[in-house]
Amino acid sequence: MNNSKIAKLDTLLDQYLQLGSAMYGGEAVTQLEHALQCAQLSQSAGDSPALIAACLLHDVGHLLAHISVKTSEDEDDHHEKLAMQHLEDLFGLEVTQPILLHVNAKRYLCSVDDRYWGELSPASQKSLEVQGGVYSAAEALDFANLPFAKDAIKLRQYDDLSKDPHRSTPKLEDFKPMLEKLLIQ
């Protein structure tokens, strides 16, 4: 296995440990708690290791944005694109594409499910508007036909459920062996 990729993964996990104690937007959980809950939900559902990894790492762009890009709550930090850029040399498309698409999956779900908008937290509703709003019917159809759209939708649904300040989760280090197996050569 490539030692430089393991070192980059270790740095990424250290960033989560150091910066992940920041609150997750307007939610009652930290960035790290949110990531761990999302991965745990995917794991409990019996998803593939790649989707579990995507769930764990889907918001790494928020951490990176705090380091490199200063945005206000009224600006889109494009965290999904930052995550993709940071992770694409470590993981294959089965991990990075659901991450890249998870913001648009929210836009899609709001378009195709009349109840979905009302089930979003107020912070998630606000971020949706900043991220482009609800898809049109044509945009929703285009999204649904993308490779990895189904995984992105699952990730999004776990994302929405990963805001419980009382949920017990595994530790970040518990996911490291799985992440190491997913590293591209």
Protein backbone atom coordinates (compact mmCIF):
# COMPACT_ATOMS: atom_id res chain seq x y z
CA MET A 1 0.00 0.00 0.00
CA ASN A 2 1.15 3.50 -0.82
CA ASN A 3 2.61 5.11 2.32
CA SER A 4 1.95 8.64 1.05
CA LYS A 5 -1.77 7.84 0.70
CA ILE A 6 -1.88 6.38 4.20
CA ALA A 7 -0.15 9.52 5.46
CA LYS A 8 -2.70 11.72 3.66
CA LEU A 9 -5.54 9.65 5.12
CA ASP A 10 -3.99 10.01 8.60
CA THR A 11 -3.81 13.79 8.08
CA LEU A 12 -7.44 13.85 7.00
CA LEU A 13 -8.55 11.89 10.06
CA ASP A 14 -6.45 14.16 12.30
CA GLN A 15 -8.22 17.18 10.77
CA TYR A 16 -11.55 15.62 11.67
CA LEU A 17 -10.36 15.10 15.23
CA GLN A 18 -8.95 18.63 15.52
CA LEU A 19 -11.60 20.60 13.63
CA GLY A 20 -14.56 18.28 14.00
CA SER A 21 -15.50 19.65 17.40
CA ALA A 22 -16.97 22.72 15.68
CA MET A 23 -20.75 22.72 15.57
CA TYR A 24 -22.33 21.44 12.39
CA GLY A 25 -23.96 24.58 11.02
CA GLY A 26 -27.08 25.42 12.98
CA GLU A 27 -27.50 21.85 14.25
CA ALA A 28 -27.11 20.44 17.77
CA VAL A 29 -24.18 18.17 16.85
CA THR A 30 -20.54 18.71 15.98
CA GLN A 31 -19.05 18.09 12.55
CA LEU A 32 -17.48 14.85 13.81
CA GLU A 33 -20.65 13.62 15.51
CA HIS A 34 -22.56 14.27 12.30
CA ALA A 35 -20.02 12.36 10.20
CA LEU A 36 -19.95 9.39 12.57
CA GLN A 37 -23.73 9.22 12.79
CA CYS A 38 -24.06 9.30 9.03
CA ALA A 39 -21.50 6.50 8.59
CA GLN A 40 -23.12 4.47 11.36
CA LEU A 41 -26.55 4.70 9.70
CA SER A 42 -25.06 3.52 6.41
CA GLN A 43 -23.20 0.70 8.13
CA SER A 44 -26.35 -0.39 10.00
CA ALA A 45 -28.25 -0.48 6.70
CA GLY A 46 -25.69 -2.94 5.31
CA ASP A 47 -24.36 -0.58 2.66
CA SER A 48 -21.09 -1.15 0.83
CA PRO A 49 -17.85 0.00 2.46
CA ALA A 50 -17.57 2.66 -0.27
CA LEU A 51 -20.92 4.20 0.66
CA ILE A 52 -20.11 4.01 4.37
CA ALA A 53 -16.86 5.87 3.63
CA ALA A 54 -18.74 8.45 1.55
CA CYS A 55 -21.13 8.98 4.45
CA LEU A 56 -18.25 9.42 6.88
CA LEU A 57 -16.35 11.86 4.65
CA HIS A 58 -19.20 13.67 2.88
CA ASP A 59 -18.75 16.95 4.74
CA VAL A 60 -14.96 17.06 4.89
CA GLY A 61 -15.26 20.05 2.56
CA HIS A 62 -16.84 22.03 5.41
CA LEU A 63 -13.68 21.48 7.45
CA LEU A 64 -11.48 22.42 4.50
CA ALA A 65 -13.58 25.51 3.80
CA HIS A 66 -12.96 26.74 7.34
CA ILE A 67 -9.23 26.40 6.75
CA SER A 68 -8.98 27.89 3.27
CA VAL A 69 -12.15 29.71 2.25
CA LYS A 70 -13.97 32.26 4.34
CA THR A 71 -17.69 32.22 3.62
CA SER A 72 -20.69 33.55 5.48
CA GLU A 73 -23.84 31.53 6.19
CA ASP A 74 -25.41 33.28 3.20
CA GLU A 75 -22.72 31.96 0.82
CA ASP A 76 -22.28 28.47 -0.54
CA ASP A 77 -18.88 27.09 0.47
CA HIS A 78 -19.19 24.41 -2.25
CA HIS A 79 -18.07 21.88 0.35
CA GLU A 80 -18.99 18.95 -1.88
CA LYS A 81 -16.55 20.16 -4.56
CA LEU A 82 -13.81 20.87 -2.00
CA ALA A 83 -14.25 17.36 -0.64
CA MET A 84 -14.06 15.85 -4.13
CA GLN A 85 -10.86 17.73 -4.91
CA HIS A 86 -9.31 16.64 -1.63
CA LEU A 87 -10.39 12.99 -1.81
CA GLU A 88 -10.16 12.07 -5.50
CA ASP A 89 -6.53 10.96 -5.30
CA LEU A 90 -7.31 8.74 -2.31
CA PHE A 91 -10.58 7.05 -3.22
CA GLY A 92 -12.39 5.83 -6.30
CA LEU A 93 -15.58 7.19 -7.81
CA GLU A 94 -17.75 4.91 -5.67
CA VAL A 95 -16.68 7.05 -2.66
CA THR A 96 -16.17 10.48 -4.22
CA GLN A 97 -19.19 10.71 -6.54
CA PRO A 98 -21.88 10.29 -3.86
CA ILE A 99 -20.04 12.98 -1.90
CA LEU A 100 -19.95 15.29 -4.91
CA LEU A 101 -23.67 14.69 -5.56
CA HIS A 102 -25.07 14.80 -2.01
CA VAL A 103 -25.98 18.52 -2.13
CA ASN A 104 -27.79 18.04 -5.42
CA ALA A 105 -29.52 14.99 -3.95
CA LYS A 106 -31.21 17.34 -1.47
CA ARG A 107 -32.32 19.54 -4.35
CA TYR A 108 -33.60 16.41 -6.13
CA LEU A 109 -35.49 15.05 -3.12
CA CYS A 110 -37.21 18.41 -2.58
CA SER A 111 -38.32 18.27 -6.20
CA VAL A 112 -39.74 14.73 -6.20
CA ASP A 113 -41.08 14.41 -2.63
CA ASP A 114 -43.58 17.02 -1.46
CA ARG A 115 -42.96 16.16 2.22
CA TYR A 116 -39.16 16.24 2.08
CA TRP A 117 -38.77 20.04 2.38
CA GLY A 118 -40.87 20.08 5.55
CA GLU A 119 -38.78 17.31 7.10
CA LEU A 120 -35.52 19.23 6.67
CA SER A 121 -34.09 21.03 9.66
CA PRO A 122 -34.30 24.84 9.48
CA ALA A 123 -30.53 25.01 8.90
CA SER A 124 -30.80 22.54 6.02
CA GLN A 125 -33.70 24.47 4.50
CA LYS A 126 -31.65 27.65 4.63
CA SER A 127 -28.59 26.01 3.08
CA LEU A 128 -30.74 24.58 0.27
CA GLU A 129 -31.61 28.08 -0.88
CA VAL A 130 -27.94 29.10 -0.84
CA GLN A 131 -27.05 25.91 -2.77
CA GLY A 132 -29.40 26.62 -5.67
CA GLY A 133 -32.88 25.73 -4.45
CA VAL A 134 -35.23 22.98 -5.54
CA TYR A 135 -34.61 21.31 -8.88
CA SER A 136 -37.02 21.74 -11.76
CA ALA A 137 -38.64 18.56 -13.09
CA ALA A 138 -36.09 18.44 -15.94
CA GLU A 139 -33.14 18.94 -13.57
CA ALA A 140 -34.50 16.21 -11.28
CA LEU A 141 -34.73 13.78 -14.20
CA ASP A 142 -31.18 14.59 -15.28
CA PHE A 143 -29.95 14.05 -11.73
CA ALA A 144 -31.75 10.72 -11.34
CA ASN A 145 -29.97 9.40 -14.42
CA LEU A 146 -26.46 10.20 -13.17
CA PRO A 147 -24.15 7.37 -12.14
CA PHE A 148 -24.07 7.18 -8.33
CA ALA A 149 -27.29 9.22 -7.95
CA LYS A 150 -28.91 6.40 -5.93
CA ASP A 151 -25.96 6.30 -3.53
CA ALA A 152 -25.99 10.09 -3.26
CA ILE A 153 -29.70 9.97 -2.34
CA LYS A 154 -29.05 7.37 0.35
CA LEU A 155 -26.15 9.46 1.68
CA ARG A 156 -28.44 12.52 1.72
CA GLN A 157 -31.11 10.67 3.67
CA TYR A 158 -28.59 9.49 6.24
CA ASP A 159 -27.20 13.03 6.34
CA ASP A 160 -30.64 14.35 7.28
CA LEU A 161 -30.95 11.81 10.10
CA SER A 162 -27.46 12.46 11.51
CA LYS A 163 -28.23 15.37 13.79
CA ASP A 164 -29.08 13.66 17.09
CA PRO A 165 -27.02 15.06 19.98
CA HIS A 166 -27.72 11.93 22.07
CA ARG A 167 -26.83 9.18 19.59
CA SER A 168 -23.91 6.95 20.51
CA THR A 169 -21.51 6.17 17.65
CA PRO A 170 -18.33 4.25 16.96
CA LYS A 171 -15.08 6.20 17.14
CA LEU A 172 -13.46 7.67 14.04
CA GLU A 173 -10.53 5.26 14.36
CA ASP A 174 -12.96 2.32 14.06
CA PHE A 175 -13.46 3.26 10.40
CA LYS A 176 -9.76 3.56 9.57
CA PRO A 177 -9.17 -0.09 8.47
CA MET A 178 -12.11 0.15 6.06
CA LEU A 179 -10.86 3.47 4.69
CA GLU A 180 -7.36 2.03 4.19
CA LYS A 181 -8.81 -0.88 2.16
CA LEU A 182 -10.63 1.60 -0.07
CA LEU A 183 -7.53 3.66 -0.89
CA ILE A 184 -6.73 3.56 -4.58
CA GLN A 185 -3.30 2.29 -5.56
